[in-house]
Amino acid sequence: MIPLLSAALTATALASAPAPYDAHAWRADFAQLKTALQARYVNLAWMGSYESGIDVPALTHRAELALDAAHSDAEARDVLRTFVAGFHDGHLSELATQLAAQGDAPEPEKATLDPADPASGCAAMGYASTASVAFSQPFESLPGVHLLGDGQSSVLRIGMADVDGRRIGLVRLQVFRARGFPQACLRAWAQARQAATPITRAAIGEAARYLWLKELAEQLKALRSAGAQAVIVDVGNNGGGDDSGDWIPRLFGTRPVASSRLLVVDAPEGMAYLDEEIDGLTEALAAKPGGKAKADLEKALAAFKARKASLGAAPCDLSWVWQERRAWRDVACRRVIDAGYADGPLPGLPAHAYGDETTEQALAWSTIVQDLYGAWPGPAYVLTDGKTFSSAEMFAATMKDNGAAKTIGVRTGGDGCGFMGDVPPLVLAHSRLRFRVPNCMRLRADGTDEVAGIAPDLPIAPTEGESDRARAARLLRTVAAELEPGH
């Protein structure tokens, strides 16, 4: 009996022992990773440029040496993770490894919305304060600062700072997505019940989004009425969100705002966005607009169909990025396709340009806020930090590039555009490591890739011996000094 038991235990141990380290398989994974990045990573040509600040050949060489020196799966896995992290693109990142499917996994039904229970309904729709409502700098703790809205019982956190004889409005945008502002949903729900309109996910979602944007415009007007001479919009510690980062700049200033150029990767992963635009323009034309509206929609539709047809028509080899660096202006083929603007087919539109909201929103999404344009016509400052990412960077870049605001603080984190449409992850054959790979790029007014981050016009970097409160006070004094006559 004992020999049999011993043999059984030995067999079990052998069956459960990890597979031996396969160096060849890990090298194949690294080769697959590089090939996939060449084919579908929209920022690869930029990363290969001097202007990006990323030395891709050195990064590649270090990874090759480390992979040659690896003796375990854990070490090899860390090599690939370090390689990807070396691009400093927050959207190019690892996803959680998934186990093999265990049979069918049916999707549960969505929770039923009870008109009498708005709290549960809004929570079921995903409305939650998932980001810090507090200002990214502790303005609340400083003398002369008082809150006009706490961002919890109110939709937004709004404040006023009296500094050196100047009044400065403070606005906190902790995320660029209406779902991050639960009060917007609760108020939209209450309005729907009062008006006896149906409580549906679509109706509440649309109403909450517009209520959030309208509340921002109204608070900006209220700050001006209360004597604010400038406003600081705090997007520090803001991980991004949706296209509202491109819409909201229209609430500032008196001049037209132009959106950034948008490009998608010249690969199948870029097609979903082009199809989305084609579908939207086709739907707008189905409403049978007349005159100029019809002509402009047809022109935009033809342009997007031509872009879709050109996908893959002029392939280029980006393998040079692993061996050398080039000037961005000298990179003739970047493996990207023009996709219009961050605002859609057009860079923007004047308010009610066509007198037809369907046409206007098909050509420029930002017209959703056209009744709110210019809510704040005075000086504006956008506060950024190293945790300002994605849509928050789009907001900062659009404000800065259009002269609607100065940026203050430190350089943003550098996520750039990220994704337009659903993009399947890259899964490596041996390790099963999964990575999301960005498919869209926004270009700044100077032609550089937004993924490089947005440098501040007014740097307020932390200094030794300076507390967070002291730095916040210094930031407010800097803005107050900007408001001095003749500055």
Protein backbone atom coordinates (compact mmCIF):
# COMPACT_ATOMS: atom_id res chain seq x y z
CA MET A 1 0.00 0.00 0.00
CA ILE A 2 2.75 2.46 0.92
CA PRO A 3 4.67 2.10 -2.38
CA LEU A 4 1.39 2.58 -4.27
CA LEU A 5 0.58 5.71 -2.24
CA SER A 6 4.09 7.04 -2.80
CA ALA A 7 3.79 6.46 -6.53
CA ALA A 8 0.43 8.22 -6.62
CA LEU A 9 1.80 11.22 -4.76
CA THR A 10 4.79 11.37 -7.09
CA ALA A 11 2.52 11.26 -10.15
CA THR A 12 0.34 14.03 -8.72
CA ALA A 13 3.37 16.19 -8.00
CA LEU A 14 4.69 15.70 -11.52
CA ALA A 15 1.29 16.54 -13.02
CA SER A 16 1.04 19.78 -11.02
CA ALA A 17 4.65 20.88 -11.56
CA PRO A 18 4.98 24.02 -13.68
CA ALA A 19 6.19 23.62 -17.24
CA PRO A 20 9.92 24.26 -17.65
CA TYR A 21 10.99 27.74 -18.71
CA ASP A 22 10.85 28.03 -22.51
CA ALA A 23 13.19 30.84 -23.57
CA HIS A 24 12.37 30.35 -27.26
CA ALA A 25 8.64 30.78 -26.61
CA TRP A 26 9.22 34.02 -24.70
CA ARG A 27 11.38 35.39 -27.51
CA ALA A 28 8.54 34.51 -29.89
CA ASP A 29 6.13 36.46 -27.66
CA PHE A 30 8.44 39.47 -27.77
CA ALA A 31 8.64 39.23 -31.56
CA GLN A 32 4.84 38.97 -31.74
CA LEU A 33 4.50 42.03 -29.50
CA LYS A 34 6.79 44.14 -31.70
CA THR A 35 5.09 42.99 -34.89
CA ALA A 36 1.67 43.81 -33.47
CA LEU A 37 2.81 47.27 -32.36
CA GLN A 38 4.13 47.93 -35.86
CA ALA A 39 0.76 46.95 -37.30
CA ARG A 40 -1.73 48.50 -34.88
CA TYR A 41 -0.15 50.92 -32.38
CA VAL A 42 -1.17 54.37 -33.61
CA ASN A 43 1.58 56.22 -31.72
CA LEU A 44 4.51 54.04 -32.77
CA ALA A 45 5.94 56.43 -35.39
CA TRP A 46 5.70 59.28 -32.88
CA MET A 47 7.45 57.18 -30.25
CA GLY A 48 10.23 56.59 -32.76
CA SER A 49 10.78 60.33 -33.13
CA TYR A 50 13.24 62.44 -31.17
CA GLU A 51 10.40 64.73 -30.12
CA SER A 52 8.66 61.95 -28.17
CA GLY A 53 11.52 61.74 -25.67
CA ILE A 54 11.32 57.94 -25.84
CA ASP A 55 14.47 56.13 -26.99
CA VAL A 56 12.77 53.10 -28.51
CA PRO A 57 16.00 51.46 -29.81
CA ALA A 58 17.52 51.62 -26.32
CA LEU A 59 14.28 50.34 -24.79
CA THR A 60 14.29 47.44 -27.25
CA HIS A 61 17.95 46.62 -26.65
CA ARG A 62 17.45 46.53 -22.87
CA ALA A 63 14.49 44.20 -23.30
CA GLU A 64 16.47 41.86 -25.55
CA LEU A 65 19.35 41.67 -23.07
CA ALA A 66 17.00 41.13 -20.13
CA LEU A 67 15.10 38.43 -22.00
CA ASP A 68 18.36 36.64 -22.81
CA ALA A 69 19.26 36.74 -19.11
CA ALA A 70 15.85 35.55 -17.88
CA HIS A 71 15.62 32.09 -16.32
CA SER A 72 11.96 31.92 -15.34
CA ASP A 73 8.51 32.82 -16.60
CA ALA A 74 8.24 35.48 -13.90
CA GLU A 75 11.44 37.18 -15.04
CA ALA A 76 10.45 37.04 -18.72
CA ARG A 77 6.99 38.37 -17.92
CA ASP A 78 8.53 41.34 -16.12
CA VAL A 79 10.74 42.04 -19.14
CA LEU A 80 7.74 42.41 -21.45
CA ARG A 81 5.83 44.47 -18.91
CA THR A 82 8.81 46.80 -18.46
CA PHE A 83 9.17 47.13 -22.22
CA VAL A 84 5.53 48.20 -22.66
CA ALA A 85 5.69 50.57 -19.68
CA GLY A 86 8.76 52.19 -21.23
CA PHE A 87 6.59 53.88 -23.87
CA HIS A 88 4.97 55.97 -21.12
CA ASP A 89 1.59 55.75 -22.84
CA GLY A 90 -1.07 55.06 -20.24
CA HIS A 91 -3.43 53.67 -22.86
CA LEU A 92 -0.82 51.13 -24.00
CA SER A 93 -1.14 48.92 -20.96
CA GLU A 94 -1.61 45.41 -19.67
CA LEU A 95 -5.04 43.95 -19.05
CA ALA A 96 -5.79 41.29 -16.47
CA THR A 97 -5.05 37.75 -17.62
CA GLN A 98 -8.23 35.74 -18.13
CA LEU A 99 -8.83 32.07 -17.44
CA ALA A 100 -10.25 29.86 -20.17
CA ALA A 101 -14.03 30.03 -20.54
CA GLN A 102 -15.93 27.56 -18.35
CA GLY A 103 -18.97 27.00 -20.54
CA ASP A 104 -21.57 29.62 -21.38
CA ALA A 105 -21.64 32.80 -19.28
CA PRO A 106 -25.08 34.35 -19.89
CA GLU A 107 -25.34 38.09 -19.35
CA PRO A 108 -27.68 38.99 -16.45
CA GLU A 109 -30.66 41.17 -17.22
CA LYS A 110 -30.31 44.85 -16.41
CA ALA A 111 -31.84 46.07 -13.17
CA THR A 112 -35.38 47.37 -13.50
CA LEU A 113 -35.64 51.12 -12.93
CA ASP A 114 -38.22 51.99 -10.28
CA PRO A 115 -39.42 55.59 -10.84
CA ALA A 116 -39.91 55.93 -7.07
CA ASP A 117 -36.30 54.92 -6.28
CA PRO A 118 -33.92 57.34 -8.04
CA ALA A 119 -30.94 56.49 -5.82
CA SER A 120 -31.00 52.81 -6.79
CA GLY A 121 -31.79 53.67 -10.40
CA CYS A 122 -28.91 56.10 -10.81
CA ALA A 123 -26.55 53.64 -9.13
CA ALA A 124 -27.73 50.87 -11.46
CA MET A 125 -26.95 53.13 -14.42
CA GLY A 126 -23.39 53.59 -13.14
CA TYR A 127 -23.60 57.06 -11.60
CA ALA A 128 -21.05 57.26 -8.81
CA SER A 129 -18.35 59.56 -7.44
CA THR A 130 -15.45 57.37 -8.51
CA ALA A 131 -12.87 60.19 -8.48
CA SER A 132 -11.90 62.64 -5.76
CA VAL A 133 -14.32 65.55 -5.56
CA ALA A 134 -11.79 67.61 -3.60
CA PHE A 135 -9.63 70.10 -5.48
CA SER A 136 -6.34 68.52 -6.55
CA GLN A 137 -4.59 71.27 -4.58
CA PRO A 138 -5.98 71.90 -1.06
CA PHE A 139 -7.57 75.26 -1.86
CA GLU A 140 -10.38 74.47 0.59
CA SER A 141 -7.94 74.72 3.52
CA LEU A 142 -6.69 78.22 2.67
CA PRO A 143 -7.88 81.50 4.18
CA GLY A 144 -10.02 83.55 1.83
CA VAL A 145 -11.44 80.48 0.08
CA HIS A 146 -15.05 79.45 0.52
CA LEU A 147 -17.15 76.84 -1.23
CA LEU A 148 -20.26 77.73 -3.20
CA GLY A 149 -20.98 74.07 -3.91
CA ASP A 150 -19.42 71.00 -2.28
CA GLY A 151 -19.78 68.64 -5.26
CA GLN A 152 -21.66 66.12 -3.15
CA SER A 153 -24.99 67.69 -2.33
CA SER A 154 -24.44 69.84 -5.43
CA VAL A 155 -23.53 68.70 -8.93
CA LEU A 156 -20.13 70.41 -8.94
CA ARG A 157 -17.55 71.60 -6.44
CA ILE A 158 -17.32 75.36 -6.93
CA GLY A 159 -15.36 77.88 -4.86
CA MET A 160 -14.29 81.50 -4.67
CA ALA A 161 -10.84 82.64 -3.58
CA ASP A 162 -10.04 86.17 -2.43
CA VAL A 163 -6.30 86.59 -3.06
CA ASP A 164 -4.29 89.83 -2.93
CA GLY A 165 -7.36 91.90 -3.71
CA ARG A 166 -8.45 89.64 -6.58
CA ARG A 167 -11.41 87.28 -6.79
CA ILE A 168 -10.73 83.96 -8.47
CA GLY A 169 -13.40 81.37 -9.20
CA LEU A 170 -12.57 77.71 -8.63
CA VAL A 171 -14.21 74.89 -10.59
CA ARG A 172 -13.47 71.20 -10.00
CA LEU A 173 -13.87 68.73 -12.88
CA GLN A 174 -12.69 65.42 -11.46
CA VAL A 175 -13.75 63.39 -14.50
CA PHE A 176 -15.04 64.09 -18.00
CA ARG A 177 -18.12 61.90 -17.88
CA ALA A 178 -21.57 62.75 -16.58
CA ARG A 179 -21.75 59.39 -14.76
CA GLY A 180 -19.11 60.71 -12.36
CA PHE A 181 -21.58 63.31 -11.07
CA PRO A 182 -24.44 61.45 -9.33
CA GLN A 183 -26.37 64.61 -8.49
CA ALA A 184 -26.83 65.22 -12.22
CA CYS A 185 -28.70 61.92 -12.51
CA LEU A 186 -30.77 62.48 -9.36
CA ARG A 187 -31.85 65.92 -10.54
CA ALA A 188 -32.63 64.71 -14.06
CA TRP A 189 -34.70 61.91 -12.51
CA ALA A 190 -36.63 64.37 -10.35
CA GLN A 191 -37.33 66.60 -13.34
CA ALA A 192 -38.59 63.62 -15.35
CA ARG A 193 -40.97 62.60 -12.56
CA GLN A 194 -42.22 66.16 -12.18
CA ALA A 195 -42.87 66.35 -15.93
CA ALA A 196 -44.43 62.86 -15.90
CA THR A 197 -42.11 61.69 -18.69
CA PRO A 198 -41.01 58.03 -18.96
CA ILE A 199 -38.08 56.94 -16.79
CA THR A 200 -35.78 55.08 -19.17
CA ARG A 201 -32.02 54.62 -19.25
CA ALA A 202 -31.71 56.54 -22.50
CA ALA A 203 -33.91 59.43 -21.40
CA ILE A 204 -32.29 59.81 -17.98
CA GLY A 205 -28.78 59.42 -19.42
CA GLU A 206 -29.31 62.13 -22.03
CA ALA A 207 -31.01 64.47 -19.56
CA ALA A 208 -28.32 63.97 -16.89
CA ARG A 209 -25.54 64.66 -19.37
CA TYR A 210 -27.06 67.93 -20.50
CA LEU A 211 -27.96 68.93 -16.93
CA TRP A 212 -24.31 68.44 -15.91
CA LEU A 213 -23.07 70.60 -18.78
CA LYS A 214 -25.74 73.24 -18.19
CA GLU A 215 -24.94 73.33 -14.48
CA LEU A 216 -21.30 74.04 -15.32
CA ALA A 217 -22.32 76.92 -17.59
CA GLU A 218 -24.65 78.35 -14.95
CA GLN A 219 -22.00 78.14 -12.24
CA LEU A 220 -19.51 79.94 -14.48
CA LYS A 221 -22.04 82.73 -15.00
CA ALA A 222 -22.74 82.83 -11.26
CA LEU A 223 -19.03 83.19 -10.48
CA ARG A 224 -18.79 86.15 -12.83
CA SER A 225 -21.88 87.74 -11.26
CA ALA A 226 -20.25 87.26 -7.84
CA GLY A 227 -17.22 89.26 -8.96
CA ALA A 228 -14.77 86.59 -10.10
CA GLN A 229 -12.12 88.14 -12.33
CA ALA A 230 -10.68 84.82 -13.47
CA VAL A 231 -11.51 81.16 -13.10
CA ILE A 232 -9.30 78.14 -12.43
CA VAL A 233 -10.64 74.88 -13.84
CA ASP A 234 -9.01 72.09 -11.85
CA VAL A 235 -8.48 68.90 -13.88
CA GLY A 236 -5.66 67.59 -11.72
CA ASN A 237 -6.03 63.93 -10.74
CA ASN A 238 -8.55 63.54 -13.57
CA GLY A 239 -8.29 60.23 -15.42
CA GLY A 240 -10.33 61.38 -18.40
CA GLY A 241 -13.68 60.15 -19.65
CA ASP A 242 -15.45 60.87 -22.93
CA ASP A 243 -15.72 63.49 -25.66
CA SER A 244 -17.00 66.12 -23.23
CA GLY A 245 -13.33 67.04 -22.86
CA ASP A 246 -13.66 68.52 -26.35
CA TRP A 247 -17.11 70.05 -25.86
CA ILE A 248 -16.56 71.97 -22.64
CA PRO A 249 -13.87 74.36 -24.01
CA ARG A 250 -16.71 75.98 -25.97
CA LEU A 251 -18.05 77.33 -22.67
CA PHE A 252 -14.96 79.54 -22.33
CA GLY A 253 -13.95 82.66 -24.22
CA THR A 254 -15.59 84.62 -26.99
CA ARG A 255 -13.73 83.21 -30.00
CA PRO A 256 -14.59 80.06 -31.98
CA VAL A 257 -12.89 76.92 -30.69
CA ALA A 258 -11.34 74.45 -33.13
CA SER A 259 -10.89 70.81 -32.16
CA SER A 260 -7.68 68.85 -32.62
CA ARG A 261 -7.00 66.82 -35.74
CA LEU A 262 -7.93 63.17 -35.24
CA LEU A 263 -6.19 60.21 -36.83
CA VAL A 264 -6.80 56.48 -36.50
CA VAL A 265 -4.38 53.65 -37.12
CA ASP A 266 -4.15 52.45 -40.72
CA ALA A 267 -5.23 48.94 -39.78
CA PRO A 268 -8.47 47.02 -39.23
CA GLU A 269 -8.52 48.39 -35.66
CA GLY A 270 -9.19 51.84 -37.12
CA MET A 271 -12.22 50.78 -39.13
CA ALA A 272 -14.82 50.76 -36.34
CA TYR A 273 -14.60 54.52 -35.84
CA LEU A 274 -14.84 55.22 -39.58
CA ASP A 275 -17.92 52.98 -39.75
CA GLU A 276 -19.43 54.81 -36.79
CA GLU A 277 -19.03 58.15 -38.56
CA ILE A 278 -20.40 56.75 -41.82
CA ASP A 279 -23.46 55.40 -39.99
CA GLY A 280 -24.05 58.71 -38.20
CA LEU A 281 -23.82 60.78 -41.38
CA THR A 282 -26.04 58.33 -43.28
CA GLU A 283 -28.64 58.57 -40.53
CA ALA A 284 -28.53 62.38 -40.62
CA LEU A 285 -29.06 62.33 -44.39
CA ALA A 286 -32.03 59.99 -43.94
CA ALA A 287 -33.78 62.85 -42.13
CA LYS A 288 -33.82 64.59 -45.55
CA PRO A 289 -32.21 67.94 -44.75
CA GLY A 290 -32.19 70.51 -47.51
CA GLY A 291 -29.80 72.92 -49.15
CA LYS A 292 -26.37 73.45 -47.59
CA ALA A 293 -26.99 70.94 -44.79
CA LYS A 294 -27.53 68.13 -47.28
CA ALA A 295 -24.50 69.14 -49.35
CA ASP A 296 -22.20 69.32 -46.33
CA LEU A 297 -23.40 65.98 -44.97
CA GLU A 298 -22.87 64.35 -48.36
CA LYS A 299 -19.37 65.84 -48.59
CA ALA A 300 -18.47 64.55 -45.12
CA LEU A 301 -19.92 61.11 -45.88
CA ALA A 302 -17.94 60.84 -49.11
CA ALA A 303 -14.76 61.79 -47.23
CA PHE A 304 -15.24 59.09 -44.59
CA LYS A 305 -16.07 56.46 -47.19
CA ALA A 306 -12.87 57.37 -49.04
CA ARG A 307 -10.88 57.10 -45.81
CA LYS A 308 -12.34 53.67 -45.12
CA ALA A 309 -11.51 52.55 -48.66
CA SER A 310 -7.92 53.72 -48.21
CA LEU A 311 -7.30 51.54 -45.15
CA GLY A 312 -4.33 49.31 -45.91
CA ALA A 313 -3.91 50.71 -49.42
CA ALA A 314 -0.49 52.23 -48.72
CA PRO A 315 1.19 50.04 -46.09
CA CYS A 316 4.51 51.12 -44.66
CA ASP A 317 7.21 49.40 -42.65
CA LEU A 318 7.71 50.85 -39.18
CA SER A 319 10.35 48.32 -38.13
CA TRP A 320 12.94 51.12 -38.24
CA VAL A 321 11.74 52.28 -34.82
CA TRP A 322 13.55 49.37 -33.16
CA GLN A 323 16.90 50.41 -34.67
CA GLU A 324 16.93 54.21 -35.03
CA ARG A 325 15.26 57.51 -34.11
CA ARG A 326 14.04 60.08 -36.61
CA ALA A 327 12.77 63.65 -36.59
CA TRP A 328 8.96 63.71 -36.54
CA ARG A 329 8.83 65.93 -39.63
CA ASP A 330 10.93 63.38 -41.54
CA VAL A 331 8.62 60.44 -40.83
CA ALA A 332 6.78 60.36 -44.15
CA CYS A 333 4.72 57.25 -43.46
CA ARG A 334 3.19 57.06 -39.99
CA ARG A 335 0.62 54.29 -40.56
CA VAL A 336 -2.31 56.55 -39.70
CA ILE A 337 -5.46 57.66 -41.53
CA ASP A 338 -6.99 61.13 -41.35
CA ALA A 339 -10.26 60.81 -39.42
CA GLY A 340 -11.40 64.42 -39.32
CA TYR A 341 -11.35 66.07 -35.93
CA ALA A 342 -11.93 65.25 -32.29
CA ASP A 343 -15.30 66.98 -32.84
CA GLY A 344 -16.29 64.78 -35.78
CA PRO A 345 -16.13 65.64 -39.50
CA LEU A 346 -15.65 69.35 -38.75
CA PRO A 347 -13.44 71.14 -36.19
CA GLY A 348 -16.49 72.92 -34.79
CA LEU A 349 -19.51 74.98 -35.76
CA PRO A 350 -21.04 78.32 -34.74
CA ALA A 351 -24.18 78.01 -32.66
CA HIS A 352 -27.18 76.87 -34.72
CA ALA A 353 -25.24 77.06 -37.98
CA TYR A 354 -27.85 75.03 -39.88
CA GLY A 355 -30.93 75.48 -37.72
CA ASP A 356 -31.09 71.68 -37.60
CA GLU A 357 -29.67 69.87 -34.56
CA THR A 358 -29.47 66.51 -36.34
CA THR A 359 -27.19 67.94 -39.03
CA GLU A 360 -25.20 70.00 -36.54
CA GLN A 361 -24.45 67.11 -34.21
CA ALA A 362 -23.58 64.79 -37.10
CA LEU A 363 -20.96 67.28 -38.33
CA ALA A 364 -19.69 68.56 -34.97
CA TRP A 365 -20.54 66.74 -31.75
CA SER A 366 -19.75 69.80 -29.61
CA THR A 367 -22.95 71.46 -30.83
CA ILE A 368 -24.61 69.58 -27.99
CA VAL A 369 -23.49 72.59 -25.90
CA GLN A 370 -24.19 75.28 -28.50
CA ASP A 371 -26.72 77.01 -26.23
CA LEU A 372 -23.99 77.24 -23.57
CA TYR A 373 -21.19 78.73 -25.70
CA GLY A 374 -19.22 81.53 -24.06
CA ALA A 375 -20.64 81.10 -20.55
CA TRP A 376 -17.31 82.40 -19.19
CA PRO A 377 -15.83 85.17 -21.38
CA GLY A 378 -12.97 86.18 -19.07
CA PRO A 379 -9.47 84.91 -18.20
CA ALA A 380 -9.29 81.18 -17.52
CA TYR A 381 -6.58 78.86 -16.20
CA VAL A 382 -6.51 75.06 -16.43
CA LEU A 383 -4.81 73.36 -13.48
CA THR A 384 -3.07 70.12 -14.47
CA ASP A 385 -0.80 67.58 -12.82
CA GLY A 386 0.91 64.30 -13.63
CA LYS A 387 -2.39 62.48 -13.11
CA THR A 388 -4.24 64.51 -15.73
CA PHE A 389 -4.94 61.97 -18.47
CA SER A 390 -6.84 61.25 -21.69
CA SER A 391 -9.99 63.40 -22.09
CA ALA A 392 -8.68 65.78 -19.43
CA GLU A 393 -5.60 66.25 -21.62
CA MET A 394 -7.85 66.88 -24.61
CA PHE A 395 -9.57 69.61 -22.58
CA ALA A 396 -6.27 71.19 -21.51
CA ALA A 397 -4.81 71.03 -25.02
CA THR A 398 -7.92 72.45 -26.69
CA MET A 399 -8.15 75.29 -24.17
CA LYS A 400 -4.45 76.11 -24.57
CA ASP A 401 -4.20 75.74 -28.35
CA ASN A 402 -7.25 77.96 -28.90
CA GLY A 403 -6.08 80.66 -26.53
CA ALA A 404 -9.12 80.07 -24.31
CA ALA A 405 -6.95 79.53 -21.22
CA LYS A 406 -3.44 79.25 -19.89
CA THR A 407 -2.37 75.99 -18.30
CA ILE A 408 -0.86 76.03 -14.82
CA GLY A 409 0.70 73.34 -12.63
CA VAL A 410 2.84 70.53 -14.05
CA ARG A 411 2.92 68.53 -17.30
CA THR A 412 0.03 66.14 -17.79
CA GLY A 413 0.48 62.38 -17.65
CA GLY A 414 0.60 61.78 -21.41
CA ASP A 415 -2.16 59.32 -22.35
CA GLY A 416 -3.31 61.09 -25.50
CA CYS A 417 -6.33 59.93 -27.46
CA GLY A 418 -6.44 56.24 -26.64
CA PHE A 419 -9.40 54.56 -28.29
CA MET A 420 -12.18 55.31 -30.73
CA GLY A 421 -14.62 52.41 -30.78
CA ASP A 422 -14.14 48.95 -29.35
CA VAL A 423 -10.65 47.57 -29.94
CA PRO A 424 -9.85 43.91 -29.20
CA PRO A 425 -6.83 43.35 -26.96
CA LEU A 426 -3.52 41.95 -28.12
CA VAL A 427 -3.01 38.47 -26.63
CA LEU A 428 0.49 36.96 -26.75
CA ALA A 429 0.52 33.33 -27.89
CA HIS A 430 2.74 31.75 -25.23
CA SER A 431 2.34 33.84 -22.09
CA ARG A 432 -1.29 34.84 -22.74
CA LEU A 433 -0.37 38.34 -21.59
CA ARG A 434 -3.05 40.78 -22.75
CA PHE A 435 -2.44 44.39 -23.76
CA ARG A 436 -4.74 47.13 -24.95
CA VAL A 437 -3.27 48.99 -27.92
CA PRO A 438 -4.43 52.56 -28.72
CA ASN A 439 -5.96 53.12 -32.15
CA CYS A 440 -6.38 56.92 -32.26
CA MET A 441 -4.15 60.00 -32.15
CA ARG A 442 -4.90 63.68 -31.57
CA LEU A 443 -2.51 66.24 -33.02
CA ARG A 444 -1.80 69.52 -31.27
CA ALA A 445 -1.89 72.84 -33.12
CA ASP A 446 1.88 72.56 -33.63
CA GLY A 447 1.53 69.10 -35.20
CA THR A 448 2.85 67.10 -32.24
CA ASP A 449 1.13 64.09 -30.72
CA GLU A 450 -0.92 64.84 -27.62
CA VAL A 451 0.44 61.64 -26.04
CA ALA A 452 3.57 63.67 -25.18
CA GLY A 453 1.59 65.46 -22.46
CA ILE A 454 0.61 69.12 -22.08
CA ALA A 455 3.32 71.36 -20.64
CA PRO A 456 2.07 74.19 -18.39
CA ASP A 457 2.28 77.83 -19.45
CA LEU A 458 2.78 78.65 -15.78
CA PRO A 459 4.82 75.90 -14.08
CA ILE A 460 4.04 75.43 -10.39
CA ALA A 461 6.30 72.53 -9.50
CA PRO A 462 6.63 71.23 -5.93
CA THR A 463 9.68 72.56 -4.10
CA GLU A 464 11.63 71.18 -1.16
CA GLY A 465 10.23 72.19 2.20
CA GLU A 466 6.98 73.46 0.68
CA SER A 467 3.76 71.90 1.91
CA ASP A 468 0.82 71.16 -0.37
CA ARG A 469 -1.06 74.06 1.23
CA ALA A 470 1.85 76.43 0.61
CA ARG A 471 2.02 75.32 -3.00
CA ALA A 472 -1.73 75.85 -3.43
CA ALA A 473 -1.37 79.36 -2.02
CA ARG A 474 1.54 80.06 -4.38
CA LEU A 475 -0.57 78.92 -7.31
CA LEU A 476 -3.40 81.30 -6.37
CA ARG A 477 -0.95 84.18 -5.95
CA THR A 478 0.47 83.42 -9.40
CA VAL A 479 -2.96 83.74 -10.98
CA ALA A 480 -3.73 86.88 -8.97
CA ALA A 481 -0.49 88.45 -10.21
CA GLU A 482 -1.52 87.63 -13.79
CA LEU A 483 -4.58 89.82 -13.28
CA GLU A 484 -2.59 92.92 -12.38
CA PRO A 485 -3.02 95.78 -14.89
CA GLY A 486 -0.37 95.72 -17.59
CA HIS A 487 0.70 92.15 -16.87
